[in-house]
Each structure stands twice: as C-alpha cells, then as structure tokens.
Amino acid sequence: MAERRKFKKRYCRYCEQKVEFIDYKDLNLLKFSLSERFKIMPRRLTGNCKRHQEMVTVAIKRARQTALIPYIVDRKNVIDNPFDLIR
C-alpha cells in the first residue's frame, strides 16, 4: 500500500491575529486569499475557518465592484507579479 502523505496543519491567519472584520479596502490582507490570476482561493488551500472565509469572499467581491481588484487578468499581457498592480 502507498504511504499516506503528511501535510502541515493549516491554520486561520485571521483567527490568529484576532481579526473581527475584514475590510475590503485593506488589500494587503486580501492578497493572501487570491491566486496569481486574482481568483478566490478555497479554504482547503488557505486554511481559513468558515467564518473568516465568508468575510474574505464578501470583501474581495466588494473590492472588485469598487475596482480595487480586477475581475480577470488578461492572458495576452503576461505580468511577472500581478500583485504589484495592487496599490
């Protein structure tokens, strides 16, 4: 039989920092929950708890509406680090 892989325990960074509310204007806090193509990363990859993951998704969607974060990244214009575009 194949050996089971052991992964390190993921933890909620927002619980550790005791964050009560995630603001959509705080882009440095949100960029850890976005992929390089500005997609929202799932809980199993980020390690967020359910409560904070819901807050993150709402904050990212609000930031997209106010044009702080792009909805999509253009495939033709390849950028080395898309997070440099975030102020």
PDB file of N, CA and C in Angstrom:
ATOM      1  N   MET A   1       0.829  -1.188   0.000  1.00  0.00           N
ATOM      2  CA  MET A   1       0.000   0.000   0.000  1.00  0.00           C
ATOM      3  C   MET A   1       0.872   1.249   0.000  1.00  0.00           C
ATOM      4  N   ALA A   2       0.339   2.271  -0.556  1.00  0.00           N
ATOM      5  CA  ALA A   2       1.065   3.537  -0.599  1.00  0.00           C
ATOM      6  C   ALA A   2       1.018   4.231   0.760  1.00  0.00           C
ATOM      7  N   GLU A   3       2.087   4.920   1.055  1.00  0.00           N
ATOM      8  CA  GLU A   3       2.126   5.648   2.320  1.00  0.00           C
ATOM      9  C   GLU A   3       1.245   6.892   2.237  1.00  0.00           C
ATOM     10  N   ARG A   4       0.641   7.217   3.357  1.00  0.00           N
ATOM     11  CA  ARG A   4      -0.166   8.432   3.413  1.00  0.00           C
ATOM     12  C   ARG A   4       0.761   9.629   3.562  1.00  0.00           C
ATOM     13  N   ARG A   5       0.470  10.664   2.826  1.00  0.00           N
ATOM     14  CA  ARG A   5       1.289  11.866   2.914  1.00  0.00           C
ATOM     15  C   ARG A   5       0.860  12.687   4.111  1.00  0.00           C
ATOM     16  N   LYS A   6       1.818  13.244   4.772  1.00  0.00           N
ATOM     17  CA  LYS A   6       1.511  14.095   5.912  1.00  0.00           C
ATOM     18  C   LYS A   6       1.699  15.543   5.492  1.00  0.00           C
ATOM     19  N   PHE A   7       0.635  16.311   5.622  1.00  0.00           N
ATOM     20  CA  PHE A   7       0.685  17.713   5.293  1.00  0.00           C
ATOM     21  C   PHE A   7       0.746  18.517   6.579  1.00  0.00           C
ATOM     22  N   LYS A   8       1.340  19.695   6.487  1.00  0.00           N
ATOM     23  CA  LYS A   8       1.387  20.514   7.688  1.00  0.00           C
ATOM     24  C   LYS A   8      -0.007  21.058   7.987  1.00  0.00           C
ATOM     25  N   LYS A   9      -0.284  21.262   9.243  1.00  0.00           N
ATOM     26  CA  LYS A   9      -1.591  21.730   9.673  1.00  0.00           C
ATOM     27  C   LYS A   9      -1.775  23.165   9.237  1.00  0.00           C
ATOM     28  N   ARG A  10      -2.865  23.422   8.561  1.00  0.00           N
ATOM     29  CA  ARG A  10      -3.172  24.774   8.137  1.00  0.00           C
ATOM     30  C   ARG A  10      -3.924  25.465   9.258  1.00  0.00           C
ATOM     31  N   TYR A  11      -3.724  26.741   9.396  1.00  0.00           N
ATOM     32  CA  TYR A  11      -4.374  27.497  10.454  1.00  0.00           C
ATOM     33  C   TYR A  11      -4.974  28.767   9.854  1.00  0.00           C
ATOM     34  N   CYS A  12      -5.957  29.288  10.523  1.00  0.00           N
ATOM     35  CA  CYS A  12      -6.617  30.512  10.075  1.00  0.00           C
ATOM     36  C   CYS A  12      -5.789  31.703  10.539  1.00  0.00           C
ATOM     37  N   ARG A  13      -5.230  32.431   9.615  1.00  0.00           N
ATOM     38  CA  ARG A  13      -4.383  33.564   9.974  1.00  0.00           C
ATOM     39  C   ARG A  13      -5.192  34.693  10.583  1.00  0.00           C
ATOM     40  N   TYR A  14      -6.469  34.759  10.248  1.00  0.00           N
ATOM     41  CA  TYR A  14      -7.321  35.818  10.799  1.00  0.00           C
ATOM     42  C   TYR A  14      -7.710  35.517  12.249  1.00  0.00           C
ATOM     43  N   CYS A  15      -7.902  34.253  12.583  1.00  0.00           N
ATOM     44  CA  CYS A  15      -8.170  33.882  13.978  1.00  0.00           C
ATOM     45  C   CYS A  15      -6.925  34.125  14.826  1.00  0.00           C
ATOM     46  N   GLU A  16      -5.775  33.839  14.252  1.00  0.00           N
ATOM     47  CA  GLU A  16      -4.532  34.022  14.985  1.00  0.00           C
ATOM     48  C   GLU A  16      -4.276  35.500  15.282  1.00  0.00           C
ATOM     49  N   GLN A  17      -4.659  36.381  14.344  1.00  0.00           N
ATOM     50  CA  GLN A  17      -4.484  37.816  14.536  1.00  0.00           C
ATOM     51  C   GLN A  17      -5.671  38.444  15.266  1.00  0.00           C
ATOM     52  N   LYS A  18      -6.690  37.624  15.554  1.00  0.00           N
ATOM     53  CA  LYS A  18      -7.917  38.075  16.230  1.00  0.00           C
ATOM     54  C   LYS A  18      -8.604  39.204  15.464  1.00  0.00           C
ATOM     55  N   VAL A  19      -8.800  38.973  14.151  1.00  0.00           N
ATOM     56  CA  VAL A  19      -9.461  39.942  13.289  1.00  0.00           C
ATOM     57  C   VAL A  19     -10.969  39.756  13.421  1.00  0.00           C
ATOM     58  N   GLU A  20     -11.667  40.835  13.731  1.00  0.00           N
ATOM     59  CA  GLU A  20     -13.123  40.787  13.871  1.00  0.00           C
ATOM     60  C   GLU A  20     -13.828  41.061  12.542  1.00  0.00           C
ATOM     61  N   PHE A  21     -13.258  41.970  11.746  1.00  0.00           N
ATOM     62  CA  PHE A  21     -13.889  42.368  10.487  1.00  0.00           C
ATOM     63  C   PHE A  21     -12.812  42.534   9.434  1.00  0.00           C
ATOM     64  N   ILE A  22     -13.067  42.047   8.229  1.00  0.00           N
ATOM     65  CA  ILE A  22     -12.121  42.167   7.132  1.00  0.00           C
ATOM     66  C   ILE A  22     -12.632  43.252   6.195  1.00  0.00           C
ATOM     67  N   ASP A  23     -11.865  44.323   6.096  1.00  0.00           N
ATOM     68  CA  ASP A  23     -12.272  45.468   5.288  1.00  0.00           C
ATOM     69  C   ASP A  23     -11.864  45.252   3.839  1.00  0.00           C
ATOM     70  N   TYR A  24     -12.723  45.656   2.922  1.00  0.00           N
ATOM     71  CA  TYR A  24     -12.435  45.454   1.504  1.00  0.00           C
ATOM     72  C   TYR A  24     -11.350  46.408   1.013  1.00  0.00           C
ATOM     73  N   LYS A  25     -11.053  47.464   1.747  1.00  0.00           N
ATOM     74  CA  LYS A  25     -10.031  48.429   1.331  1.00  0.00           C
ATOM     75  C   LYS A  25      -8.624  48.017   1.753  1.00  0.00           C
ATOM     76  N   ASP A  26      -8.518  47.020   2.625  1.00  0.00           N
ATOM     77  CA  ASP A  26      -7.216  46.550   3.084  1.00  0.00           C
ATOM     78  C   ASP A  26      -6.717  45.460   2.138  1.00  0.00           C
ATOM     79  N   LEU A  27      -6.059  45.874   1.067  1.00  0.00           N
ATOM     80  CA  LEU A  27      -5.658  44.933   0.022  1.00  0.00           C
ATOM     81  C   LEU A  27      -4.485  44.058   0.437  1.00  0.00           C
ATOM     82  N   ASN A  28      -3.649  44.533   1.344  1.00  0.00           N
ATOM     83  CA  ASN A  28      -2.535  43.698   1.812  1.00  0.00           C
ATOM     84  C   ASN A  28      -3.034  42.483   2.570  1.00  0.00           C
ATOM     85  N   LEU A  29      -4.162  42.619   3.241  1.00  0.00           N
ATOM     86  CA  LEU A  29      -4.745  41.499   3.967  1.00  0.00           C
ATOM     87  C   LEU A  29      -5.457  40.539   3.012  1.00  0.00           C
ATOM     88  N   LEU A  30      -6.025  41.080   1.937  1.00  0.00           N
ATOM     89  CA  LEU A  30      -6.796  40.257   0.996  1.00  0.00           C
ATOM     90  C   LEU A  30      -5.931  39.489   0.009  1.00  0.00           C
ATOM     91  N   LYS A  31      -4.720  39.976  -0.259  1.00  0.00           N
ATOM     92  CA  LYS A  31      -3.939  39.350  -1.328  1.00  0.00           C
ATOM     93  C   LYS A  31      -3.467  37.944  -0.982  1.00  0.00           C
ATOM     94  N   PHE A  32      -3.511  37.560   0.294  1.00  0.00           N
ATOM     95  CA  PHE A  32      -3.142  36.198   0.663  1.00  0.00           C
ATOM     96  C   PHE A  32      -4.233  35.195   0.306  1.00  0.00           C
ATOM     97  N   SER A  33      -5.440  35.685   0.049  1.00  0.00           N
ATOM     98  CA  SER A  33      -6.547  34.802  -0.304  1.00  0.00           C
ATOM     99  C   SER A  33      -6.846  34.820  -1.794  1.00  0.00           C
ATOM    100  N   LEU A  34      -5.971  35.442  -2.579  1.00  0.00           N
ATOM    101  CA  LEU A  34      -6.149  35.499  -4.028  1.00  0.00           C
ATOM    102  C   LEU A  34      -5.042  34.715  -4.718  1.00  0.00           C
ATOM    103  N   SER A  35      -5.382  34.079  -5.828  1.00  0.00           N
ATOM    104  CA  SER A  35      -4.361  33.382  -6.613  1.00  0.00           C
ATOM    105  C   SER A  35      -3.658  34.394  -7.513  1.00  0.00           C
ATOM    106  N   GLU A  36      -2.700  33.920  -8.307  1.00  0.00           N
ATOM    107  CA  GLU A  36      -1.970  34.832  -9.180  1.00  0.00           C
ATOM    108  C   GLU A  36      -2.845  35.369 -10.311  1.00  0.00           C
ATOM    109  N   ARG A  37      -3.984  34.733 -10.540  1.00  0.00           N
ATOM    110  CA  ARG A  37      -4.915  35.217 -11.559  1.00  0.00           C
ATOM    111  C   ARG A  37      -6.109  35.906 -10.920  1.00  0.00           C
ATOM    112  N   PHE A  38      -5.962  36.303  -9.658  1.00  0.00           N
ATOM    113  CA  PHE A  38      -6.968  37.027  -8.884  1.00  0.00           C
ATOM    114  C   PHE A  38      -8.249  36.230  -8.669  1.00  0.00           C
ATOM    115  N   LYS A  39      -8.122  34.920  -8.562  1.00  0.00           N
ATOM    116  CA  LYS A  39      -9.260  34.088  -8.192  1.00  0.00           C
ATOM    117  C   LYS A  39      -9.237  33.885  -6.684  1.00  0.00           C
ATOM    118  N   ILE A  40     -10.411  33.703  -6.096  1.00  0.00           N
ATOM    119  CA  ILE A  40     -10.501  33.486  -4.662  1.00  0.00           C
ATOM    120  C   ILE A  40     -10.056  32.056  -4.359  1.00  0.00           C
ATOM    121  N   MET A  41      -9.083  31.918  -3.470  1.00  0.00           N
ATOM    122  CA  MET A  41      -8.570  30.592  -3.135  1.00  0.00           C
ATOM    123  C   MET A  41      -9.494  29.913  -2.135  1.00  0.00           C
ATOM    124  N   PRO A  42      -9.682  28.601  -2.253  1.00  0.00           N
ATOM    125  CA  PRO A  42     -10.585  27.887  -1.345  1.00  0.00           C
ATOM    126  C   PRO A  42      -9.999  27.720   0.050  1.00  0.00           C
ATOM    127  N   ARG A  43     -10.868  27.355   0.978  1.00  0.00           N
ATOM    128  CA  ARG A  43     -10.479  27.172   2.379  1.00  0.00           C
ATOM    129  C   ARG A  43      -9.432  26.089   2.562  1.00  0.00           C
ATOM    130  N   ARG A  44      -9.526  25.035   1.782  1.00  0.00           N
ATOM    131  CA  ARG A  44      -8.599  23.919   1.968  1.00  0.00           C
ATOM    132  C   ARG A  44      -7.172  24.305   1.608  1.00  0.00           C
ATOM    133  N   LEU A  45      -6.994  25.349   0.802  1.00  0.00           N
ATOM    134  CA  LEU A  45      -5.648  25.809   0.466  1.00  0.00           C
ATOM    135  C   LEU A  45      -5.162  26.912   1.398  1.00  0.00           C
ATOM    136  N   THR A  46      -6.048  27.816   1.795  1.00  0.00           N
ATOM    137  CA  THR A  46      -5.624  28.925   2.648  1.00  0.00           C
ATOM    138  C   THR A  46      -5.625  28.552   4.112  1.00  0.00           C
ATOM    139  N   GLY A  47      -6.483  27.625   4.519  1.00  0.00           N
ATOM    140  CA  GLY A  47      -6.558  27.236   5.915  1.00  0.00           C
ATOM    141  C   GLY A  47      -7.480  28.113   6.733  1.00  0.00           C
ATOM    142  N   ASN A  48      -8.232  28.994   6.074  1.00  0.00           N
ATOM    143  CA  ASN A  48      -9.144  29.869   6.798  1.00  0.00           C
ATOM    144  C   ASN A  48     -10.298  29.081   7.391  1.00  0.00           C
ATOM    145  N   CYS A  49     -10.827  29.588   8.513  1.00  0.00           N
ATOM    146  CA  CYS A  49     -12.030  28.983   9.076  1.00  0.00           C
ATOM    147  C   CYS A  49     -13.225  29.459   8.252  1.00  0.00           C
ATOM    148  N   LYS A  50     -14.372  28.845   8.456  1.00  0.00           N
ATOM    149  CA  LYS A  50     -15.551  29.148   7.657  1.00  0.00           C
ATOM    150  C   LYS A  50     -15.984  30.592   7.811  1.00  0.00           C
ATOM    151  N   ARG A  51     -15.947  31.081   9.033  1.00  0.00           N
ATOM    152  CA  ARG A  51     -16.396  32.445   9.321  1.00  0.00           C
ATOM    153  C   ARG A  51     -15.528  33.480   8.595  1.00  0.00           C
ATOM    154  N   HIS A  52     -14.226  33.310   8.670  1.00  0.00           N
ATOM    155  CA  HIS A  52     -13.341  34.276   8.036  1.00  0.00           C
ATOM    156  C   HIS A  52     -13.297  34.103   6.518  1.00  0.00           C
ATOM    157  N   GLN A  53     -13.488  32.892   6.027  1.00  0.00           N
ATOM    158  CA  GLN A  53     -13.515  32.692   4.580  1.00  0.00           C
ATOM    159  C   GLN A  53     -14.715  33.401   3.969  1.00  0.00           C
ATOM    160  N   GLU A  54     -15.855  33.376   4.646  1.00  0.00           N
ATOM    161  CA  GLU A  54     -17.028  34.097   4.154  1.00  0.00           C
ATOM    162  C   GLU A  54     -16.783  35.595   4.155  1.00  0.00           C
ATOM    163  N   MET A  55     -16.105  36.104   5.195  1.00  0.00           N
ATOM    164  CA  MET A  55     -15.775  37.530   5.238  1.00  0.00           C
ATOM    165  C   MET A  55     -14.812  37.905   4.116  1.00  0.00           C
ATOM    166  N   VAL A  56     -13.864  37.030   3.835  1.00  0.00           N
ATOM    167  CA  VAL A  56     -12.884  37.291   2.777  1.00  0.00           C
ATOM    168  C   VAL A  56     -13.573  37.352   1.421  1.00  0.00           C
ATOM    169  N   THR A  57     -14.479  36.406   1.156  1.00  0.00           N
ATOM    170  CA  THR A  57     -15.156  36.401  -0.143  1.00  0.00           C
ATOM    171  C   THR A  57     -16.005  37.649  -0.325  1.00  0.00           C
ATOM    172  N   VAL A  58     -16.699  38.075   0.711  1.00  0.00           N
ATOM    173  CA  VAL A  58     -17.513  39.291   0.616  1.00  0.00           C
ATOM    174  C   VAL A  58     -16.613  40.503   0.387  1.00  0.00           C
ATOM    175  N   ALA A  59     -15.484  40.568   1.096  1.00  0.00           N
ATOM    176  CA  ALA A  59     -14.569  41.698   0.956  1.00  0.00           C
ATOM    177  C   ALA A  59     -13.946  41.736  -0.439  1.00  0.00           C
ATOM    178  N   ILE A  60     -13.578  40.575  -0.977  1.00  0.00           N
ATOM    179  CA  ILE A  60     -12.988  40.537  -2.315  1.00  0.00           C
ATOM    180  C   ILE A  60     -14.018  40.942  -3.364  1.00  0.00           C
ATOM    181  N   LYS A  61     -15.234  40.487  -3.216  1.00  0.00           N
ATOM    182  CA  LYS A  61     -16.280  40.861  -4.171  1.00  0.00           C
ATOM    183  C   LYS A  61     -16.580  42.353  -4.108  1.00  0.00           C
ATOM    184  N   ARG A  62     -16.546  42.934  -2.920  1.00  0.00           N
ATOM    185  CA  ARG A  62     -16.749  44.388  -2.790  1.00  0.00           C
ATOM    186  C   ARG A  62     -15.574  45.153  -3.385  1.00  0.00           C
ATOM    187  N   ALA A  63     -14.365  44.648  -3.188  1.00  0.00           N
ATOM    188  CA  ALA A  63     -13.191  45.309  -3.759  1.00  0.00           C
ATOM    189  C   ALA A  63     -13.208  45.234  -5.281  1.00  0.00           C
ATOM    190  N   ARG A  64     -13.729  44.162  -5.829  1.00  0.00           N
ATOM    191  CA  ARG A  64     -13.860  44.057  -7.281  1.00  0.00           C
ATOM    192  C   ARG A  64     -14.875  45.060  -7.809  1.00  0.00           C
ATOM    193  N   GLN A  65     -15.967  45.242  -7.085  1.00  0.00           N
ATOM    194  CA  GLN A  65     -17.005  46.186  -7.520  1.00  0.00           C
ATOM    195  C   GLN A  65     -16.493  47.612  -7.521  1.00  0.00           C
ATOM    196  N   THR A  66     -15.634  47.944  -6.559  1.00  0.00           N
ATOM    197  CA  THR A  66     -15.088  49.299  -6.492  1.00  0.00           C
ATOM    198  C   THR A  66     -13.806  49.442  -7.308  1.00  0.00           C
ATOM    199  N   ALA A  67     -13.455  48.431  -8.074  1.00  0.00           N
ATOM    200  CA  ALA A  67     -12.316  48.426  -8.995  1.00  0.00           C
ATOM    201  C   ALA A  67     -10.980  48.526  -8.276  1.00  0.00           C
ATOM    202  N   LEU A  68     -10.885  48.002  -7.064  1.00  0.00           N
ATOM    203  CA  LEU A  68      -9.600  47.931  -6.373  1.00  0.00           C
ATOM    204  C   LEU A  68      -8.837  46.671  -6.794  1.00  0.00           C
ATOM    205  N   ILE A  69      -9.583  45.620  -7.142  1.00  0.00           N
ATOM    206  CA  ILE A  69      -9.011  44.353  -7.606  1.00  0.00           C
ATOM    207  C   ILE A  69      -9.666  44.030  -8.943  1.00  0.00           C
ATOM    208  N   PRO A  70      -8.898  43.613  -9.954  1.00  0.00           N
ATOM    209  CA  PRO A  70      -9.521  43.271 -11.237  1.00  0.00           C
ATOM    210  C   PRO A  70     -10.299  41.961 -11.163  1.00  0.00           C
ATOM    211  N   TYR A  71     -11.300  41.849 -12.018  1.00  0.00           N
ATOM    212  CA  TYR A  71     -12.066  40.608 -12.085  1.00  0.00           C
ATOM    213  C   TYR A  71     -11.243  39.498 -12.716  1.00  0.00           C
ATOM    214  N   ILE A  72     -10.554  39.807 -13.814  1.00  0.00           N
ATOM    215  CA  ILE A  72      -9.743  38.823 -14.518  1.00  0.00           C
ATOM    216  C   ILE A  72      -8.401  39.448 -14.885  1.00  0.00           C
ATOM    217  N   VAL A  73      -7.438  38.604 -15.181  1.00  0.00           N
ATOM    218  CA  VAL A  73      -6.139  39.056 -15.666  1.00  0.00           C
ATOM    219  C   VAL A  73      -6.061  38.704 -17.134  1.00  0.00           C
ATOM    220  N   ASP A  74      -5.619  39.636 -17.943  1.00  0.00           N
ATOM    221  CA  ASP A  74      -5.523  39.432 -19.377  1.00  0.00           C
ATOM    222  C   ASP A  74      -4.441  38.400 -19.686  1.00  0.00           C
ATOM    223  N   ARG A  75      -4.777  37.400 -20.482  1.00  0.00           N
ATOM    224  CA  ARG A  75      -3.815  36.337 -20.810  1.00  0.00           C
ATOM    225  C   ARG A  75      -2.753  36.809 -21.793  1.00  0.00           C
ATOM    226  N   LYS A  76      -3.095  37.796 -22.622  1.00  0.00           N
ATOM    227  CA  LYS A  76      -2.154  38.241 -23.643  1.00  0.00           C
ATOM    228  C   LYS A  76      -1.031  39.093 -23.054  1.00  0.00           C
ATOM    229  N   ASN A  77      -1.359  39.900 -22.068  1.00  0.00           N
ATOM    230  CA  ASN A  77      -0.338  40.730 -21.415  1.00  0.00           C
ATOM    231  C   ASN A  77       0.115  40.011 -20.149  1.00  0.00           C
ATOM    232  N   VAL A  78       1.163  39.223 -20.294  1.00  0.00           N
ATOM    233  CA  VAL A  78       1.659  38.433 -19.176  1.00  0.00           C
ATOM    234  C   VAL A  78       2.462  39.341 -18.241  1.00  0.00           C
ATOM    235  N   ILE A  79       2.139  39.283 -16.948  1.00  0.00           N
ATOM    236  CA  ILE A  79       2.808  40.103 -15.943  1.00  0.00           C
ATOM    237  C   ILE A  79       3.527  39.160 -14.985  1.00  0.00           C
ATOM    238  N   ASP A  80       4.735  39.534 -14.578  1.00  0.00           N
ATOM    239  CA  ASP A  80       5.502  38.692 -13.666  1.00  0.00           C
ATOM    240  C   ASP A  80       4.814  38.549 -12.309  1.00  0.00           C
ATOM    241  N   ASN A  81       4.459  39.660 -11.702  1.00  0.00           N
ATOM    242  CA  ASN A  81       3.814  39.637 -10.396  1.00  0.00           C
ATOM    243  C   ASN A  81       2.585  40.535 -10.441  1.00  0.00           C
ATOM    244  N   PRO A  82       1.387  39.977 -10.575  1.00  0.00           N
ATOM    245  CA  PRO A  82       0.186  40.806 -10.678  1.00  0.00           C
ATOM    246  C   PRO A  82      -0.132  41.577  -9.406  1.00  0.00           C
ATOM    247  N   PHE A  83       0.444  41.167  -8.262  1.00  0.00           N
ATOM    248  CA  PHE A  83       0.168  41.880  -7.032  1.00  0.00           C
ATOM    249  C   PHE A  83       0.887  43.222  -6.957  1.00  0.00           C
ATOM    250  N   ASP A  84       1.824  43.467  -7.876  1.00  0.00           N
ATOM    251  CA  ASP A  84       2.441  44.786  -7.941  1.00  0.00           C
ATOM    252  C   ASP A  84       1.455  45.826  -8.449  1.00  0.00           C
ATOM    253  N   LEU A  85       0.433  45.372  -9.189  1.00  0.00           N
ATOM    254  CA  LEU A  85      -0.574  46.295  -9.689  1.00  0.00           C
ATOM    255  C   LEU A  85      -1.482  46.805  -8.574  1.00  0.00           C
ATOM    256  N   ILE A  86      -1.615  46.009  -7.506  1.00  0.00           N
ATOM    257  CA  ILE A  86      -2.433  46.431  -6.379  1.00  0.00           C
ATOM    258  C   ILE A  86      -1.662  47.492  -5.617  1.00  0.00           C
ATOM    259  N   ARG A  87      -2.329  48.564  -5.342  1.00  0.00           N
ATOM    260  CA  ARG A  87      -1.667  49.696  -4.669  1.00  0.00           C
ATOM    261  C   ARG A  87      -1.146  49.321  -3.340  1.00  0.00           C
TER     262      ARG A  87
END
